[in-house]
C-alpha atoms as a PDB file:
ATOM      1  CA  UNK A   1       0.000   0.000   0.000  1.00  0.00           C
ATOM      2  CA  UNK A   2       2.867   2.338   0.817  1.00  0.00           C
ATOM      3  CA  UNK A   3       4.319   1.653  -2.632  1.00  0.00           C
ATOM      4  CA  UNK A   4       0.999   2.624  -4.221  1.00  0.00           C
ATOM      5  CA  UNK A   5       0.886   5.830  -2.194  1.00  0.00           C
ATOM      6  CA  UNK A   6       4.413   6.754  -3.314  1.00  0.00           C
ATOM      7  CA  UNK A   7       3.753   6.054  -6.964  1.00  0.00           C
ATOM      8  CA  UNK A   8       3.508   8.948  -9.392  1.00  0.00           C
ATOM      9  CA  UNK A   9      -0.066   9.834 -10.305  1.00  0.00           C
ATOM     10  CA  UNK A  10      -1.009  11.049 -13.772  1.00  0.00           C
ATOM     11  CA  UNK A  11      -4.389  12.686 -14.325  1.00  0.00           C
ATOM     12  CA  UNK A  12      -5.012  12.023 -18.000  1.00  0.00           C
ATOM     13  CA  UNK A  13      -7.634  11.770 -20.725  1.00  0.00           C
ATOM     14  CA  UNK A  14      -7.125   9.025 -23.294  1.00  0.00           C
ATOM     15  CA  UNK A  15      -7.382  11.306 -26.337  1.00  0.00           C
ATOM     16  CA  UNK A  16      -5.496  14.298 -24.904  1.00  0.00           C
ATOM     17  CA  UNK A  17      -2.306  14.808 -26.927  1.00  0.00           C
ATOM     18  CA  UNK A  18      -0.809  16.776 -24.027  1.00  0.00           C
ATOM     19  CA  UNK A  19      -1.304  13.771 -21.727  1.00  0.00           C
ATOM     20  CA  UNK A  20       0.015  11.471 -24.461  1.00  0.00           C
ATOM     21  CA  UNK A  21       3.355  13.389 -24.473  1.00  0.00           C
ATOM     22  CA  UNK A  22       3.816  12.760 -20.771  1.00  0.00           C
ATOM     23  CA  UNK A  23       2.810   9.100 -21.006  1.00  0.00           C
ATOM     24  CA  UNK A  24       5.650   8.643 -23.514  1.00  0.00           C
ATOM     25  CA  UNK A  25       8.119  10.446 -21.228  1.00  0.00           C
ATOM     26  CA  UNK A  26       7.137   8.294 -18.241  1.00  0.00           C
ATOM     27  CA  UNK A  27       7.469   5.127 -20.337  1.00  0.00           C
ATOM     28  CA  UNK A  28      10.886   6.093 -21.720  1.00  0.00           C
ATOM     29  CA  UNK A  29      12.168   6.869 -18.229  1.00  0.00           C
ATOM     30  CA  UNK A  30      10.818   3.558 -16.940  1.00  0.00           C
ATOM     31  CA  UNK A  31       8.654   5.224 -14.299  1.00  0.00           C
ATOM     32  CA  UNK A  32       5.622   3.445 -12.894  1.00  0.00           C
ATOM     33  CA  UNK A  33       2.577   5.621 -12.422  1.00  0.00           C
ATOM     34  CA  UNK A  34      -1.058   5.436 -11.429  1.00  0.00           C
ATOM     35  CA  UNK A  35      -3.354   6.471 -14.282  1.00  0.00           C
ATOM     36  CA  UNK A  36      -6.298   8.591 -13.110  1.00  0.00           C
ATOM     37  CA  UNK A  37      -8.778   9.301 -15.927  1.00  0.00           C
ATOM     38  CA  UNK A  38     -10.447  12.703 -16.281  1.00  0.00           C
ATOM     39  CA  UNK A  39     -13.305  12.632 -18.800  1.00  0.00           C
ATOM     40  CA  UNK A  40     -13.129  15.995 -20.575  1.00  0.00           C
ATOM     41  CA  UNK A  41     -16.329  15.384 -22.523  1.00  0.00           C
ATOM     42  CA  UNK A  42     -18.267  14.895 -19.281  1.00  0.00           C
ATOM     43  CA  UNK A  43     -16.734  18.043 -17.768  1.00  0.00           C
ATOM     44  CA  UNK A  44     -14.830  16.247 -15.016  1.00  0.00           C
ATOM     45  CA  UNK A  45     -12.045  18.844 -15.390  1.00  0.00           C
ATOM     46  CA  UNK A  46     -14.408  21.432 -13.876  1.00  0.00           C
ATOM     47  CA  UNK A  47     -15.092  19.575 -10.630  1.00  0.00           C
ATOM     48  CA  UNK A  48     -13.902  21.323  -7.450  1.00  0.00           C
ATOM     49  CA  UNK A  49     -11.536  18.400  -6.780  1.00  0.00           C
ATOM     50  CA  UNK A  50      -9.782  18.733 -10.132  1.00  0.00           C
ATOM     51  CA  UNK A  51      -9.780  22.539 -10.055  1.00  0.00           C
ATOM     52  CA  UNK A  52      -7.689  22.328  -6.866  1.00  0.00           C
ATOM     53  CA  UNK A  53      -5.079  20.427  -8.886  1.00  0.00           C
ATOM     54  CA  UNK A  54      -5.239  22.680 -11.953  1.00  0.00           C
ATOM     55  CA  UNK A  55      -7.435  25.812 -11.795  1.00  0.00           C
ATOM     56  CA  UNK A  56      -7.496  26.193 -15.594  1.00  0.00           C
ATOM     57  CA  UNK A  57      -9.004  22.721 -15.900  1.00  0.00           C
ATOM     58  CA  UNK A  58      -6.605  21.052 -18.336  1.00  0.00           C
ATOM     59  CA  UNK A  59      -4.911  17.654 -18.329  1.00  0.00           C
ATOM     60  CA  UNK A  60      -2.324  16.353 -17.713  1.00  0.00           C
ATOM     61  CA  UNK A  61      -1.570  16.856 -14.056  1.00  0.00           C
ATOM     62  CA  UNK A  62       1.292  14.985 -12.398  1.00  0.00           C
ATOM     63  CA  UNK A  63       1.330  14.354  -8.659  1.00  0.00           C
ATOM     64  CA  UNK A  64       4.677  13.313  -7.178  1.00  0.00           C
ATOM     65  CA  UNK A  65       4.243  13.047  -3.417  1.00  0.00           C
ATOM     66  CA  UNK A  66       3.420  16.571  -2.222  1.00  0.00           C
ATOM     67  CA  UNK A  67       4.317  18.128  -5.582  1.00  0.00           C
ATOM     68  CA  UNK A  68       1.525  18.922  -8.055  1.00  0.00           C
ATOM     69  CA  UNK A  69       2.430  20.027 -11.584  1.00  0.00           C
ATOM     70  CA  UNK A  70       0.111  20.848 -14.442  1.00  0.00           C
ATOM     71  CA  UNK A  71       0.965  21.716 -18.071  1.00  0.00           C
ATOM     72  CA  UNK A  72       2.792  19.137 -20.162  1.00  0.00           C
ATOM     73  CA  UNK A  73       5.866  21.318 -20.759  1.00  0.00           C
ATOM     74  CA  UNK A  74       6.332  21.984 -17.029  1.00  0.00           C
ATOM     75  CA  UNK A  75       5.799  18.279 -16.281  1.00  0.00           C
ATOM     76  CA  UNK A  76       8.318  17.285 -18.950  1.00  0.00           C
ATOM     77  CA  UNK A  77      10.983  19.622 -17.534  1.00  0.00           C
ATOM     78  CA  UNK A  78      10.327  18.373 -13.994  1.00  0.00           C
ATOM     79  CA  UNK A  79      10.645  14.722 -15.054  1.00  0.00           C
ATOM     80  CA  UNK A  80      13.794  15.474 -17.038  1.00  0.00           C
ATOM     81  CA  UNK A  81      15.499  17.044 -14.013  1.00  0.00           C
ATOM     82  CA  UNK A  82      14.249  14.759 -11.257  1.00  0.00           C
ATOM     83  CA  UNK A  83      14.540  11.485 -13.179  1.00  0.00           C
ATOM     84  CA  UNK A  84      17.676  11.872 -15.345  1.00  0.00           C
ATOM     85  CA  UNK A  85      17.695   8.240 -16.476  1.00  0.00           C
ATOM     86  CA  UNK A  86      17.202   8.141 -20.258  1.00  0.00           C
ATOM     87  CA  UNK A  87      17.748  11.890 -20.806  1.00  0.00           C
ATOM     88  CA  UNK A  88      15.398  13.411 -23.380  1.00  0.00           C
ATOM     89  CA  UNK A  89      17.207  16.709 -23.958  1.00  0.00           C
ATOM     90  CA  UNK A  90      20.554  16.691 -25.782  1.00  0.00           C
ATOM     91  CA  UNK A  91      23.508  18.408 -24.094  1.00  0.00           C
ATOM     92  CA  UNK A  92      24.448  20.163 -27.347  1.00  0.00           C
ATOM     93  CA  UNK A  93      23.039  23.697 -27.067  1.00  0.00           C
ATOM     94  CA  UNK A  94      21.967  24.046 -30.693  1.00  0.00           C
ATOM     95  CA  UNK A  95      20.205  20.676 -30.629  1.00  0.00           C
ATOM     96  CA  UNK A  96      18.556  21.526 -27.326  1.00  0.00           C
ATOM     97  CA  UNK A  97      17.251  24.815 -28.773  1.00  0.00           C
ATOM     98  CA  UNK A  98      15.976  22.932 -31.822  1.00  0.00           C
ATOM     99  CA  UNK A  99      14.030  20.599 -29.533  1.00  0.00           C
ATOM    100  CA  UNK A 100      12.468  23.553 -27.740  1.00  0.00           C
ATOM    101  CA  UNK A 101      11.516  25.144 -31.070  1.00  0.00           C
ATOM    102  CA  UNK A 102       9.868  21.998 -32.431  1.00  0.00           C
ATOM    103  CA  UNK A 103       8.021  21.315 -29.161  1.00  0.00           C
ATOM    104  CA  UNK A 104       6.851  24.918 -29.012  1.00  0.00           C
ATOM    105  CA  UNK A 105       5.414  24.856 -32.543  1.00  0.00           C
ATOM    106  CA  UNK A 106       3.278  21.914 -31.423  1.00  0.00           C
ATOM    107  CA  UNK A 107       2.299  23.166 -27.973  1.00  0.00           C
ATOM    108  CA  UNK A 108       1.600  26.800 -28.844  1.00  0.00           C
ATOM    109  CA  UNK A 109       0.868  26.999 -32.585  1.00  0.00           C
ATOM    110  CA  UNK A 110      -1.055  23.766 -33.233  1.00  0.00           C
ATOM    111  CA  UNK A 111      -2.498  21.941 -30.213  1.00  0.00           C
ATOM    112  CA  UNK A 112      -4.341  24.865 -28.513  1.00  0.00           C
ATOM    113  CA  UNK A 113      -6.219  25.541 -31.767  1.00  0.00           C
ATOM    114  CA  UNK A 114      -7.684  22.017 -31.828  1.00  0.00           C
ATOM    115  CA  UNK A 115      -8.666  21.983 -28.159  1.00  0.00           C
ATOM    116  CA  UNK A 116     -12.117  20.677 -27.202  1.00  0.00           C
ATOM    117  CA  UNK A 117     -13.204  24.112 -25.944  1.00  0.00           C
ATOM    118  CA  UNK A 118     -12.043  25.853 -29.151  1.00  0.00           C
ATOM    119  CA  UNK A 119     -13.847  23.370 -31.404  1.00  0.00           C
ATOM    120  CA  UNK A 120     -16.983  23.713 -29.300  1.00  0.00           C
ATOM    121  CA  UNK A 121     -16.834  27.500 -29.659  1.00  0.00           C
ATOM    122  CA  UNK A 122     -16.374  27.336 -33.453  1.00  0.00           C
ATOM    123  CA  UNK A 123     -19.195  24.810 -33.771  1.00  0.00           C
ATOM    124  CA  UNK A 124     -21.555  27.059 -31.824  1.00  0.00           C
ATOM    125  CA  UNK A 125     -20.496  30.520 -33.064  1.00  0.00           C
ATOM    126  CA  UNK A 126     -19.563  29.764 -36.668  1.00  0.00           C
ATOM    127  CA  UNK A 127     -20.743  26.367 -37.914  1.00  0.00           C
ATOM    128  CA  UNK A 128     -20.206  22.708 -37.004  1.00  0.00           C
ATOM    129  CA  UNK A 129     -18.982  22.217 -40.582  1.00  0.00           C
ATOM    130  CA  UNK A 130     -16.106  24.637 -39.999  1.00  0.00           C
ATOM    131  CA  UNK A 131     -14.480  22.710 -37.153  1.00  0.00           C
ATOM    132  CA  UNK A 132     -12.461  20.189 -39.190  1.00  0.00           C
ATOM    133  CA  UNK A 133     -11.301  22.658 -41.901  1.00  0.00           C
ATOM    134  CA  UNK A 134     -10.228  25.030 -39.103  1.00  0.00           C
ATOM    135  CA  UNK A 135      -8.111  22.356 -37.413  1.00  0.00           C
ATOM    136  CA  UNK A 136      -6.676  21.029 -40.662  1.00  0.00           C
ATOM    137  CA  UNK A 137      -5.489  24.482 -41.737  1.00  0.00           C
ATOM    138  CA  UNK A 138      -3.653  25.078 -38.451  1.00  0.00           C
ATOM    139  CA  UNK A 139      -2.143  21.582 -38.288  1.00  0.00           C
ATOM    140  CA  UNK A 140      -0.907  21.856 -41.876  1.00  0.00           C
ATOM    141  CA  UNK A 141       0.600  25.296 -41.249  1.00  0.00           C
ATOM    142  CA  UNK A 142       2.453  23.904 -38.225  1.00  0.00           C
ATOM    143  CA  UNK A 143       3.507  20.709 -40.021  1.00  0.00           C
ATOM    144  CA  UNK A 144       4.863  22.730 -42.934  1.00  0.00           C
ATOM    145  CA  UNK A 145       6.980  24.767 -40.501  1.00  0.00           C
ATOM    146  CA  UNK A 146       8.214  21.600 -38.760  1.00  0.00           C
ATOM    147  CA  UNK A 147       9.252  20.017 -42.073  1.00  0.00           C
ATOM    148  CA  UNK A 148      11.375  23.094 -42.856  1.00  0.00           C
ATOM    149  CA  UNK A 149      12.794  23.371 -39.325  1.00  0.00           C
ATOM    150  CA  UNK A 150      13.880  19.734 -39.079  1.00  0.00           C
ATOM    151  CA  UNK A 151      14.914  18.870 -42.643  1.00  0.00           C
ATOM    152  CA  UNK A 152      18.649  19.475 -42.077  1.00  0.00           C
ATOM    153  CA  UNK A 153      18.710  18.035 -38.556  1.00  0.00           C
ATOM    154  CA  UNK A 154      16.571  14.885 -38.492  1.00  0.00           C
ATOM    155  CA  UNK A 155      18.158  11.469 -38.286  1.00  0.00           C
ATOM    156  CA  UNK A 156      16.183   8.411 -37.363  1.00  0.00           C
ATOM    157  CA  UNK A 157      14.192  10.762 -35.124  1.00  0.00           C
ATOM    158  CA  UNK A 158      13.387  14.479 -35.178  1.00  0.00           C
ATOM    159  CA  UNK A 159      16.739  15.946 -34.151  1.00  0.00           C
ATOM    160  CA  UNK A 160      19.114  13.007 -34.625  1.00  0.00           C
ATOM    161  CA  UNK A 161      19.338   9.270 -34.012  1.00  0.00           C
ATOM    162  CA  UNK A 162      18.185   9.397 -30.386  1.00  0.00           C
ATOM    163  CA  UNK A 163      14.616   9.988 -29.189  1.00  0.00           C
ATOM    164  CA  UNK A 164      14.366  13.449 -27.673  1.00  0.00           C
ATOM    165  CA  UNK A 165      11.864  16.010 -26.425  1.00  0.00           C
ATOM    166  CA  UNK A 166      10.755  17.021 -29.929  1.00  0.00           C
ATOM    167  CA  UNK A 167       9.665  13.457 -30.684  1.00  0.00           C
ATOM    168  CA  UNK A 168       7.456  13.333 -27.581  1.00  0.00           C
ATOM    169  CA  UNK A 169       5.585  16.409 -28.802  1.00  0.00           C
ATOM    170  CA  UNK A 170       5.494  15.415 -32.478  1.00  0.00           C
ATOM    171  CA  UNK A 171       4.220  11.842 -32.122  1.00  0.00           C
ATOM    172  CA  UNK A 172       0.866  12.685 -30.458  1.00  0.00           C
ATOM    173  CA  UNK A 173       0.272  15.609 -32.822  1.00  0.00           C
ATOM    174  CA  UNK A 174       0.898  13.495 -35.925  1.00  0.00           C
ATOM    175  CA  UNK A 175      -1.250  10.673 -34.533  1.00  0.00           C
ATOM    176  CA  UNK A 176      -4.107  13.103 -33.831  1.00  0.00           C
ATOM    177  CA  UNK A 177      -3.741  14.772 -37.211  1.00  0.00           C
ATOM    178  CA  UNK A 178      -4.148  11.426 -38.947  1.00  0.00           C
ATOM    179  CA  UNK A 179      -6.686   9.680 -36.700  1.00  0.00           C
ATOM    180  CA  UNK A 180      -8.937  12.578 -35.662  1.00  0.00           C
ATOM    181  CA  UNK A 181      -8.601  15.236 -38.340  1.00  0.00           C
ATOM    182  CA  UNK A 182      -7.794  13.352 -41.585  1.00  0.00           C
ATOM    183  CA  UNK A 183      -4.729  15.440 -42.401  1.00  0.00           C
ATOM    184  CA  UNK A 184      -3.146  14.475 -45.743  1.00  0.00           C
ATOM    185  CA  UNK A 185       0.325  13.354 -44.642  1.00  0.00           C
ATOM    186  CA  UNK A 186       1.538  12.961 -48.246  1.00  0.00           C
ATOM    187  CA  UNK A 187       2.441  16.656 -48.033  1.00  0.00           C
ATOM    188  CA  UNK A 188       4.781  15.961 -45.107  1.00  0.00           C
ATOM    189  CA  UNK A 189       7.291  13.226 -46.019  1.00  0.00           C
ATOM    190  CA  UNK A 190       9.672  13.870 -43.117  1.00  0.00           C
ATOM    191  CA  UNK A 191       6.931  13.794 -40.477  1.00  0.00           C
ATOM    192  CA  UNK A 192       5.472  10.673 -42.112  1.00  0.00           C
ATOM    193  CA  UNK A 193       8.844   8.941 -41.869  1.00  0.00           C
ATOM    194  CA  UNK A 194       9.224   9.968 -38.225  1.00  0.00           C
ATOM    195  CA  UNK A 195       5.719   8.682 -37.487  1.00  0.00           C
ATOM    196  CA  UNK A 196       6.673   5.245 -38.829  1.00  0.00           C
ATOM    197  CA  UNK A 197       9.723   5.222 -36.550  1.00  0.00           C
ATOM    198  CA  UNK A 198       7.596   6.181 -33.520  1.00  0.00           C
ATOM    199  CA  UNK A 199       5.107   3.413 -34.260  1.00  0.00           C
ATOM    200  CA  UNK A 200       7.879   0.835 -33.846  1.00  0.00           C
ATOM    201  CA  UNK A 201       8.772   1.887 -30.295  1.00  0.00           C
ATOM    202  CA  UNK A 202       6.904   0.097 -27.467  1.00  0.00           C
ATOM    203  CA  UNK A 203       7.131   3.156 -25.188  1.00  0.00           C
ATOM    204  CA  UNK A 204       5.256   5.156 -27.837  1.00  0.00           C
ATOM    205  CA  UNK A 205       2.802   2.337 -28.648  1.00  0.00           C
ATOM    206  CA  UNK A 206       1.862   1.881 -24.977  1.00  0.00           C
ATOM    207  CA  UNK A 207       1.159   5.615 -24.680  1.00  0.00           C
ATOM    208  CA  UNK A 208      -1.236   5.701 -27.664  1.00  0.00           C
ATOM    209  CA  UNK A 209      -4.795   6.892 -26.956  1.00  0.00           C
ATOM    210  CA  UNK A 210      -6.415   3.600 -27.936  1.00  0.00           C
ATOM    211  CA  UNK A 211      -4.237   1.736 -25.402  1.00  0.00           C
ATOM    212  CA  UNK A 212      -5.338   3.755 -22.357  1.00  0.00           C
ATOM    213  CA  UNK A 213      -7.672   2.373 -19.668  1.00  0.00           C
ATOM    214  CA  UNK A 214     -10.302   5.068 -20.304  1.00  0.00           C
ATOM    215  CA  UNK A 215     -10.380   4.591 -24.106  1.00  0.00           C
ATOM    216  CA  UNK A 216     -13.809   3.481 -25.381  1.00  0.00           C
ATOM    217  CA  UNK A 217     -13.912  -0.250 -26.085  1.00  0.00           C
ATOM    218  CA  UNK A 218     -15.819   0.109 -29.356  1.00  0.00           C
END
């Protein structure tokens, strides 16, 4: 029981790409964690209990003993410093900056624009038919930028031959673009190649939305 109490806790939603990033990080670092589902479609993120953990009502939230951290970027940096096994940021300064740039394109220029609350707003204020074209245009703009940013730096993975921070942010975004928003990946050969590499890694496979305990069975 004490072991269970000491285990990391991850508040997650199966389809959240931000939670997906952290599931990959935890898997790569070999960290056991308790998965606590938060159903965003049922509004569980707005309960008083969850609002105490993260007042803005987003997943993921990581609880490590007395420490509570929300926001996937903050969680990633915390895990990287506290659990240095399998480092996910290169020591080379240029490569490290490249990782931050790629991750930031995903977490500030793509993902927020496909958020549940944004799509709900567009569906209500504009038209339900505009939701998918809206998302596709922003994903494709971001993917085009990522192709250009990484073309001279990618190896087997985004910034070389080792998995790094950029890959943790790219994999969920590519997966969501394909599975949820029907993005035409033929336009993005580098990202398509990276996606194939990610799909071969068990730590990435185990983090996929469809493999989470709260994923619908049908």
